[in-house]
Amino acid sequence: MGSTPSRVVGFDGGYAEYMLAPIEHLVALPDEIGLAEAAPLPCAGLTTYTGFRKAALAPGQRTVGIGVGGPGHLAISIGAAFGGRVYAVTSSRNKVQDALERGAAFAGSAEDVARRLHDDGGAEVVLNTVDDLGPLATIMTEVAIGAKIVLAAAADAPLPIDALQFLTHQLQVFGTFFGSPGDLEELLALAVTHGIRPQIEGYRVEDVNQAQDNLRNNKVRYRAVVEF
């Protein structure tokens, strides 16, 4: 923040030669991270990073990441980099191995994760990255006293936590939506130190309509990036 970027994106082929922005809105991109790899970090990555920051995620805490999609797959790696013991919730069996490879200690359906949490002592931090709050309702049956619930996504539906549970479990609930340039600098440093990279599908600029169609039809695995 407040420094000249180490690399600047330039456009050609009739689009624009330069992109101008106030310097206080820019963050230097470390040499270790490519431009395409960096693209999802200020969005999906930053949303989950600031969520864990708000929850003051500490090493060793039992941390549930609900959803292994665009934000969720990054949340696993970021939570593990914070030192959390990450339990990944996914309804897609073909994403379980991905979650484990990204640093999850356990991965499975909401029911599978809830059963494991019951044996392990309950969730201390829960980060929800999906609109469907059904999995969150399942996980809420196995939260520890003083648990922190972070919403990085939610549909227009009631929060599945009743007033008595707030009281008896001394719960805290946060919302998270992006962050500051300083937060992004911290995230980029964490990504370099811990090798955190998003899984992306690259598209040429002339294929941008196809990328959009694939996103709408849920055919993109994690994140799509249009490369100029």
Protein backbone atom coordinates (compact mmCIF):
# COMPACT_ATOMS: atom_id res chain seq x y z
CA MET A 1 0.00 0.00 0.00
CA GLY A 2 1.40 3.37 -1.02
CA SER A 3 4.28 1.88 -3.00
CA THR A 4 4.88 1.59 -6.72
CA PRO A 5 3.75 -1.82 -8.06
CA SER A 6 6.55 -4.16 -9.06
CA ARG A 7 4.58 -5.18 -12.14
CA VAL A 8 1.89 -3.42 -14.16
CA VAL A 9 -0.68 -5.11 -16.38
CA GLY A 10 -0.67 -3.67 -19.89
CA PHE A 11 -3.29 -4.34 -22.56
CA ASP A 12 -2.84 -4.37 -26.31
CA GLY A 13 -4.69 -5.54 -29.38
CA GLY A 14 -7.02 -2.53 -29.42
CA TYR A 15 -8.18 -2.62 -25.78
CA ALA A 16 -6.00 -0.16 -23.87
CA GLU A 17 -2.32 0.41 -23.42
CA TYR A 18 -2.43 1.52 -19.79
CA MET A 19 -4.59 1.17 -16.72
CA LEU A 20 -4.50 4.14 -14.36
CA ALA A 21 -5.43 3.95 -10.67
CA PRO A 22 -4.69 5.92 -7.49
CA ILE A 23 -1.48 4.54 -6.00
CA GLU A 24 -3.09 4.08 -2.58
CA HIS A 25 -5.38 1.48 -4.20
CA LEU A 26 -2.48 -0.57 -5.55
CA VAL A 27 -0.52 -3.40 -4.00
CA ALA A 28 2.81 -4.73 -5.22
CA LEU A 29 2.60 -8.24 -6.62
CA PRO A 30 5.43 -10.50 -5.41
CA ASP A 31 7.61 -11.95 -8.16
CA GLU A 32 6.80 -15.47 -6.95
CA ILE A 33 3.12 -15.16 -7.93
CA GLY A 34 2.06 -15.03 -11.58
CA LEU A 35 -0.59 -12.60 -12.81
CA ALA A 36 -3.14 -15.32 -13.58
CA GLU A 37 -2.54 -16.98 -10.21
CA ALA A 38 -2.94 -13.63 -8.48
CA ALA A 39 -6.28 -12.80 -10.09
CA PRO A 40 -8.53 -14.71 -7.60
CA LEU A 41 -6.59 -13.63 -4.51
CA PRO A 42 -8.01 -10.08 -4.10
CA CYS A 43 -11.53 -11.54 -4.31
CA ALA A 44 -12.04 -15.12 -3.11
CA GLY A 45 -8.72 -15.23 -1.27
CA LEU A 46 -9.11 -11.89 0.51
CA THR A 47 -12.69 -12.62 1.58
CA THR A 48 -11.66 -15.81 3.36
CA TYR A 49 -8.41 -14.35 4.73
CA THR A 50 -10.17 -11.41 6.39
CA GLY A 51 -12.79 -13.80 7.74
CA PHE A 52 -10.15 -15.80 9.55
CA ARG A 53 -8.54 -12.58 10.75
CA LYS A 54 -11.83 -11.39 12.22
CA ALA A 55 -12.25 -14.72 13.97
CA ALA A 56 -8.67 -14.46 15.30
CA LEU A 57 -7.99 -18.01 14.09
CA ALA A 58 -5.20 -19.45 16.22
CA PRO A 59 -2.89 -22.44 15.64
CA GLY A 60 -4.47 -25.74 16.58
CA GLN A 61 -8.07 -24.54 16.52
CA ARG A 62 -10.65 -26.82 14.94
CA THR A 63 -11.73 -24.89 11.86
CA VAL A 64 -14.57 -25.80 9.50
CA GLY A 65 -14.60 -24.52 5.94
CA ILE A 66 -18.04 -25.03 4.42
CA GLY A 67 -17.79 -25.38 0.65
CA VAL A 68 -14.87 -26.42 -1.55
CA GLY A 69 -15.47 -24.06 -4.45
CA GLY A 70 -13.85 -20.80 -5.57
CA PRO A 71 -13.49 -19.19 -2.12
CA GLY A 72 -13.63 -22.50 -0.24
CA HIS A 73 -10.63 -24.17 -1.84
CA LEU A 74 -8.52 -21.14 -0.94
CA ALA A 75 -9.99 -21.05 2.57
CA ILE A 76 -8.60 -24.52 3.23
CA SER A 77 -5.05 -23.49 2.37
CA ILE A 78 -5.33 -20.15 4.16
CA GLY A 79 -6.82 -21.73 7.29
CA ALA A 80 -4.07 -24.33 7.34
CA ALA A 81 -1.46 -21.56 6.92
CA PHE A 82 -2.91 -19.86 10.00
CA GLY A 83 -2.26 -23.14 11.81
CA GLY A 84 -5.87 -24.24 12.05
CA ARG A 85 -6.92 -27.89 11.94
CA VAL A 86 -9.21 -27.62 8.93
CA TYR A 87 -12.33 -29.74 8.39
CA ALA A 88 -13.64 -29.21 4.84
CA VAL A 89 -17.33 -29.64 4.06
CA THR A 90 -18.20 -30.60 0.49
CA SER A 91 -21.15 -32.31 -1.15
CA SER A 92 -18.92 -33.37 -4.06
CA ARG A 93 -17.07 -36.61 -3.38
CA ASN A 94 -14.63 -35.80 -6.18
CA LYS A 95 -13.42 -32.75 -4.21
CA VAL A 96 -12.53 -34.62 -1.03
CA GLN A 97 -9.03 -35.47 -2.22
CA ASP A 98 -8.51 -31.91 -3.46
CA ALA A 99 -9.39 -30.64 0.02
CA LEU A 100 -6.96 -33.01 1.70
CA GLU A 101 -4.17 -32.07 -0.69
CA ARG A 102 -4.75 -28.38 0.05
CA GLY A 103 -4.25 -28.93 3.78
CA ALA A 104 -7.52 -30.18 5.24
CA ALA A 105 -7.18 -32.63 8.12
CA PHE A 106 -10.58 -34.12 7.26
CA ALA A 107 -13.04 -33.66 4.38
CA GLY A 108 -16.51 -34.96 3.64
CA SER A 109 -20.20 -34.15 3.75
CA ALA A 110 -21.62 -31.92 6.46
CA GLU A 111 -22.87 -35.03 8.23
CA ASP A 112 -19.44 -36.69 8.02
CA VAL A 113 -17.71 -33.58 9.37
CA ALA A 114 -20.26 -33.16 12.18
CA ARG A 115 -19.67 -36.76 13.30
CA ARG A 116 -15.91 -36.20 13.34
CA LEU A 117 -16.31 -32.94 15.25
CA HIS A 118 -18.45 -34.71 17.83
CA ASP A 119 -15.51 -37.00 18.56
CA ASP A 120 -12.89 -34.25 18.37
CA GLY A 121 -14.53 -31.65 20.62
CA GLY A 122 -16.55 -29.40 18.34
CA ALA A 123 -15.77 -26.62 15.87
CA GLU A 124 -14.07 -23.51 17.25
CA VAL A 125 -14.19 -21.49 14.01
CA VAL A 126 -16.67 -22.01 11.16
CA LEU A 127 -16.28 -20.23 7.80
CA ASN A 128 -19.26 -20.54 5.47
CA THR A 129 -18.55 -19.93 1.77
CA VAL A 130 -21.80 -21.21 0.19
CA ASP A 131 -25.26 -19.67 -0.18
CA ASP A 132 -27.09 -22.79 0.99
CA LEU A 133 -27.16 -22.61 4.79
CA GLY A 134 -28.20 -26.25 5.17
CA PRO A 135 -24.63 -27.49 5.77
CA LEU A 136 -24.11 -24.71 8.33
CA ALA A 137 -27.22 -25.89 10.19
CA THR A 138 -25.70 -29.37 10.38
CA ILE A 139 -22.33 -28.11 11.62
CA MET A 140 -24.03 -25.91 14.23
CA THR A 141 -25.01 -29.07 16.09
CA GLU A 142 -21.30 -29.65 16.83
CA VAL A 143 -19.77 -26.30 17.76
CA ALA A 144 -17.63 -25.69 20.83
CA ILE A 145 -18.34 -23.17 23.58
CA GLY A 146 -17.20 -19.75 22.38
CA ALA A 147 -17.22 -20.73 18.70
CA LYS A 148 -16.93 -18.04 16.05
CA ILE A 149 -19.11 -18.26 12.94
CA VAL A 150 -17.98 -16.34 9.85
CA LEU A 151 -20.30 -15.78 6.90
CA ALA A 152 -18.49 -15.23 3.59
CA ALA A 153 -21.67 -16.14 1.69
CA ALA A 154 -25.36 -16.56 2.46
CA ALA A 155 -28.69 -16.58 0.68
CA ASP A 156 -31.74 -14.62 1.80
CA ALA A 157 -32.65 -17.15 4.46
CA PRO A 158 -32.79 -17.21 8.27
CA LEU A 159 -29.53 -17.93 10.06
CA PRO A 160 -29.78 -21.49 11.43
CA ILE A 161 -28.80 -20.54 14.98
CA ASP A 162 -31.43 -20.11 17.67
CA ALA A 163 -31.24 -17.59 20.50
CA LEU A 164 -30.73 -20.25 23.16
CA GLN A 165 -27.65 -21.60 21.33
CA PHE A 166 -26.22 -18.08 21.13
CA LEU A 167 -26.63 -17.85 24.89
CA THR A 168 -25.52 -21.30 26.01
CA HIS A 169 -22.56 -21.52 23.61
CA GLN A 170 -21.50 -17.84 23.87
CA LEU A 171 -21.29 -17.66 20.09
CA GLN A 172 -19.96 -14.84 17.94
CA VAL A 173 -21.06 -14.28 14.34
CA PHE A 174 -19.19 -12.16 11.78
CA GLY A 175 -19.71 -11.21 8.17
CA THR A 176 -16.73 -10.87 5.82
CA PHE A 177 -16.59 -9.20 2.43
CA PHE A 178 -13.21 -8.36 0.88
CA GLY A 179 -10.69 -6.30 2.88
CA SER A 180 -8.16 -3.48 2.73
CA PRO A 181 -4.99 -3.08 0.63
CA GLY A 182 -3.04 -3.83 3.80
CA ASP A 183 -4.95 -7.08 4.24
CA LEU A 184 -4.15 -8.00 0.64
CA GLU A 185 -0.45 -7.37 1.19
CA GLU A 186 -0.56 -9.70 4.19
CA LEU A 187 -2.39 -12.35 2.17
CA LEU A 188 0.15 -12.17 -0.67
CA ALA A 189 3.00 -12.57 1.82
CA LEU A 190 1.22 -15.56 3.36
CA ALA A 191 0.70 -17.04 -0.12
CA VAL A 192 4.42 -16.75 -0.88
CA THR A 193 5.50 -18.22 2.46
CA HIS A 194 3.08 -21.17 2.36
CA GLY A 195 2.83 -21.77 -1.39
CA ILE A 196 -0.87 -20.88 -1.52
CA ARG A 197 -2.15 -20.72 -5.09
CA PRO A 198 -5.67 -20.90 -6.50
CA GLN A 199 -6.65 -23.62 -8.94
CA ILE A 200 -7.61 -21.80 -12.13
CA GLU A 201 -8.89 -22.44 -15.63
CA GLY A 202 -7.35 -20.04 -18.13
CA TYR A 203 -9.31 -18.57 -21.05
CA ARG A 204 -8.23 -16.39 -23.95
CA VAL A 205 -9.92 -13.00 -24.14
CA GLU A 206 -11.76 -14.08 -27.30
CA ASP A 207 -13.27 -16.95 -25.31
CA VAL A 208 -14.67 -14.74 -22.55
CA ASN A 209 -18.27 -15.61 -23.46
CA GLN A 210 -17.50 -19.30 -23.10
CA ALA A 211 -15.93 -18.65 -19.71
CA GLN A 212 -19.06 -16.81 -18.62
CA ASP A 213 -21.31 -19.62 -19.86
CA ASN A 214 -19.22 -22.18 -18.00
CA LEU A 215 -19.46 -20.15 -14.81
CA ARG A 216 -23.24 -19.85 -15.10
CA ASN A 217 -23.58 -23.58 -15.72
CA ASN A 218 -21.26 -24.53 -12.83
CA LYS A 219 -18.72 -26.06 -15.20
CA VAL A 220 -15.68 -24.19 -13.88
CA ARG A 221 -13.66 -26.03 -11.27
CA TYR A 222 -12.76 -23.39 -8.68
CA ARG A 223 -11.81 -20.22 -10.62
CA ALA A 224 -11.81 -18.98 -14.24
CA VAL A 225 -9.26 -16.38 -15.35
CA VAL A 226 -9.31 -14.52 -18.66
CA GLU A 227 -5.72 -13.90 -19.77
CA PHE A 228 -4.88 -11.01 -22.09
